[in-house]
Amino acid sequence: MSEHPYDRGTLLVDESTAAPPVSPAWTGMVVIALGEPQHPRYRLITATGYEWTTGHLTVREATSTERTAYERVLTARGYVLPQSPASS
């Protein structure tokens, strides 16, 4: 476990990417946590492969609905997320 609030593989929602009512916030998987643990930045990747870096103040953990939608896109693209020990 790292010192950052969110580890690699965590699905986060970046509220700074939302454009209501047209577009919801993007969901991305943590690729790497950057910077100091007190003020981390996260490199995220969408299910379609777009990567971006965001700060800790605009992210939250994805809800179960958001995780399901992310996984659905991955499955449609032929990729399945490995199950973590906690979800087995």
C-alpha atoms as a PDB file:
ATOM      1  CA  MET A   1       0.000   0.000   0.000  1.00  0.00           C
ATOM      2  CA  SER A   2       1.325   3.421  -0.901  1.00  0.00           C
ATOM      3  CA  GLU A   3       1.137   6.551   1.212  1.00  0.00           C
ATOM      4  CA  HIS A   4      -1.272   8.121  -1.301  1.00  0.00           C
ATOM      5  CA  PRO A   5      -5.019   7.981  -0.614  1.00  0.00           C
ATOM      6  CA  TYR A   6      -5.668   5.960  -3.809  1.00  0.00           C
ATOM      7  CA  ASP A   7      -3.491   3.165  -5.141  1.00  0.00           C
ATOM      8  CA  ARG A   8      -2.878   1.882  -8.662  1.00  0.00           C
ATOM      9  CA  GLY A   9      -5.971   0.155 -10.027  1.00  0.00           C
ATOM     10  CA  THR A  10      -8.484   2.239  -8.066  1.00  0.00           C
ATOM     11  CA  LEU A  11     -11.312   3.623 -10.189  1.00  0.00           C
ATOM     12  CA  LEU A  12     -11.783   7.345  -9.598  1.00  0.00           C
ATOM     13  CA  VAL A  13     -14.187   9.919 -10.971  1.00  0.00           C
ATOM     14  CA  ASP A  14     -12.676  13.298 -11.875  1.00  0.00           C
ATOM     15  CA  GLU A  15     -15.387  15.881 -11.240  1.00  0.00           C
ATOM     16  CA  SER A  16     -13.351  18.569 -13.051  1.00  0.00           C
ATOM     17  CA  THR A  17     -14.122  16.828 -16.371  1.00  0.00           C
ATOM     18  CA  ALA A  18     -17.913  17.090 -16.015  1.00  0.00           C
ATOM     19  CA  ALA A  19     -19.828  19.389 -18.346  1.00  0.00           C
ATOM     20  CA  PRO A  20     -23.420  19.230 -17.082  1.00  0.00           C
ATOM     21  CA  PRO A  21     -25.910  18.545 -18.472  1.00  0.00           C
ATOM     22  CA  VAL A  22     -24.115  17.306 -21.592  1.00  0.00           C
ATOM     23  CA  SER A  23     -21.344  15.125 -20.196  1.00  0.00           C
ATOM     24  CA  PRO A  24     -20.843  13.354 -16.876  1.00  0.00           C
ATOM     25  CA  ALA A  25     -17.491  13.342 -15.103  1.00  0.00           C
ATOM     26  CA  TRP A  26     -14.937  10.904 -16.486  1.00  0.00           C
ATOM     27  CA  THR A  27     -14.112   7.664 -14.734  1.00  0.00           C
ATOM     28  CA  GLY A  28     -10.512   6.508 -14.852  1.00  0.00           C
ATOM     29  CA  MET A  29      -8.284   3.869 -13.336  1.00  0.00           C
ATOM     30  CA  VAL A  30      -5.270   5.061 -11.356  1.00  0.00           C
ATOM     31  CA  VAL A  31      -2.139   4.259 -13.348  1.00  0.00           C
ATOM     32  CA  ILE A  32       0.211   6.013 -10.931  1.00  0.00           C
ATOM     33  CA  ALA A  33       0.021   8.388  -7.987  1.00  0.00           C
ATOM     34  CA  LEU A  34       2.355  11.363  -8.359  1.00  0.00           C
ATOM     35  CA  GLY A  35       3.671  14.006  -5.995  1.00  0.00           C
ATOM     36  CA  GLU A  36       3.578  14.230  -2.252  1.00  0.00           C
ATOM     37  CA  PRO A  37       1.024  12.117  -0.347  1.00  0.00           C
ATOM     38  CA  GLN A  38      -0.449  15.309   1.185  1.00  0.00           C
ATOM     39  CA  HIS A  39      -1.097  16.834  -2.279  1.00  0.00           C
ATOM     40  CA  PRO A  40      -1.157  13.940  -4.737  1.00  0.00           C
ATOM     41  CA  ARG A  41      -1.909  14.004  -8.418  1.00  0.00           C
ATOM     42  CA  TYR A  42      -3.161  10.953 -10.253  1.00  0.00           C
ATOM     43  CA  ARG A  43      -2.529   9.692 -13.757  1.00  0.00           C
ATOM     44  CA  LEU A  44      -5.826   8.107 -14.827  1.00  0.00           C
ATOM     45  CA  ILE A  45      -6.879   6.116 -17.893  1.00  0.00           C
ATOM     46  CA  THR A  46     -10.412   5.787 -19.230  1.00  0.00           C
ATOM     47  CA  ALA A  47     -11.805   2.457 -20.405  1.00  0.00           C
ATOM     48  CA  THR A  48     -11.239   3.669 -23.976  1.00  0.00           C
ATOM     49  CA  GLY A  49      -7.560   4.426 -23.346  1.00  0.00           C
ATOM     50  CA  TYR A  50      -7.484   8.207 -22.848  1.00  0.00           C
ATOM     51  CA  GLU A  51      -4.987   9.237 -20.146  1.00  0.00           C
ATOM     52  CA  TRP A  52      -4.877  12.433 -18.131  1.00  0.00           C
ATOM     53  CA  THR A  53      -3.453  13.802 -14.896  1.00  0.00           C
ATOM     54  CA  THR A  54      -5.650  15.347 -12.233  1.00  0.00           C
ATOM     55  CA  GLY A  55      -5.319  16.667  -8.708  1.00  0.00           C
ATOM     56  CA  HIS A  56      -6.590  15.188  -5.484  1.00  0.00           C
ATOM     57  CA  LEU A  57      -9.213  17.874  -4.867  1.00  0.00           C
ATOM     58  CA  THR A  58     -11.403  16.919  -7.837  1.00  0.00           C
ATOM     59  CA  VAL A  59     -11.510  13.120  -7.521  1.00  0.00           C
ATOM     60  CA  ARG A  60     -13.627  10.652  -5.623  1.00  0.00           C
ATOM     61  CA  GLU A  61     -13.919   6.869  -5.724  1.00  0.00           C
ATOM     62  CA  ALA A  62     -16.235   5.548  -8.411  1.00  0.00           C
ATOM     63  CA  THR A  63     -19.625   4.254  -7.347  1.00  0.00           C
ATOM     64  CA  SER A  64     -20.640   0.674  -8.106  1.00  0.00           C
ATOM     65  CA  THR A  65     -22.688   1.947 -11.065  1.00  0.00           C
ATOM     66  CA  GLU A  66     -19.680   3.837 -12.439  1.00  0.00           C
ATOM     67  CA  ARG A  67     -17.417   0.804 -11.940  1.00  0.00           C
ATOM     68  CA  THR A  68     -19.915  -1.425 -13.762  1.00  0.00           C
ATOM     69  CA  ALA A  69     -20.077   1.007 -16.694  1.00  0.00           C
ATOM     70  CA  TYR A  70     -16.255   1.149 -16.883  1.00  0.00           C
ATOM     71  CA  GLU A  71     -15.989  -2.640 -16.811  1.00  0.00           C
ATOM     72  CA  ARG A  72     -18.722  -2.964 -19.453  1.00  0.00           C
ATOM     73  CA  VAL A  73     -16.673  -0.847 -21.875  1.00  0.00           C
ATOM     74  CA  LEU A  74     -13.536  -2.897 -21.146  1.00  0.00           C
ATOM     75  CA  THR A  75     -15.450  -6.141 -21.720  1.00  0.00           C
ATOM     76  CA  ALA A  76     -16.824  -4.828 -25.031  1.00  0.00           C
ATOM     77  CA  ARG A  77     -13.231  -4.084 -26.052  1.00  0.00           C
ATOM     78  CA  GLY A  78     -12.141  -7.616 -25.097  1.00  0.00           C
ATOM     79  CA  TYR A  79     -10.433  -6.849 -21.793  1.00  0.00           C
ATOM     80  CA  VAL A  80     -11.485  -8.073 -18.363  1.00  0.00           C
ATOM     81  CA  LEU A  81     -10.204  -6.588 -15.105  1.00  0.00           C
ATOM     82  CA  PRO A  82      -8.610  -9.113 -12.763  1.00  0.00           C
ATOM     83  CA  GLN A  83     -10.546  -9.646  -9.551  1.00  0.00           C
ATOM     84  CA  SER A  84      -8.914  -8.189  -6.476  1.00  0.00           C
ATOM     85  CA  PRO A  85      -8.622 -10.435  -3.387  1.00  0.00           C
ATOM     86  CA  ALA A  86     -11.095  -8.185  -1.542  1.00  0.00           C
ATOM     87  CA  SER A  87     -13.829  -8.705  -4.165  1.00  0.00           C
ATOM     88  CA  SER A  88     -13.421 -12.507  -4.413  1.00  0.00           C
END
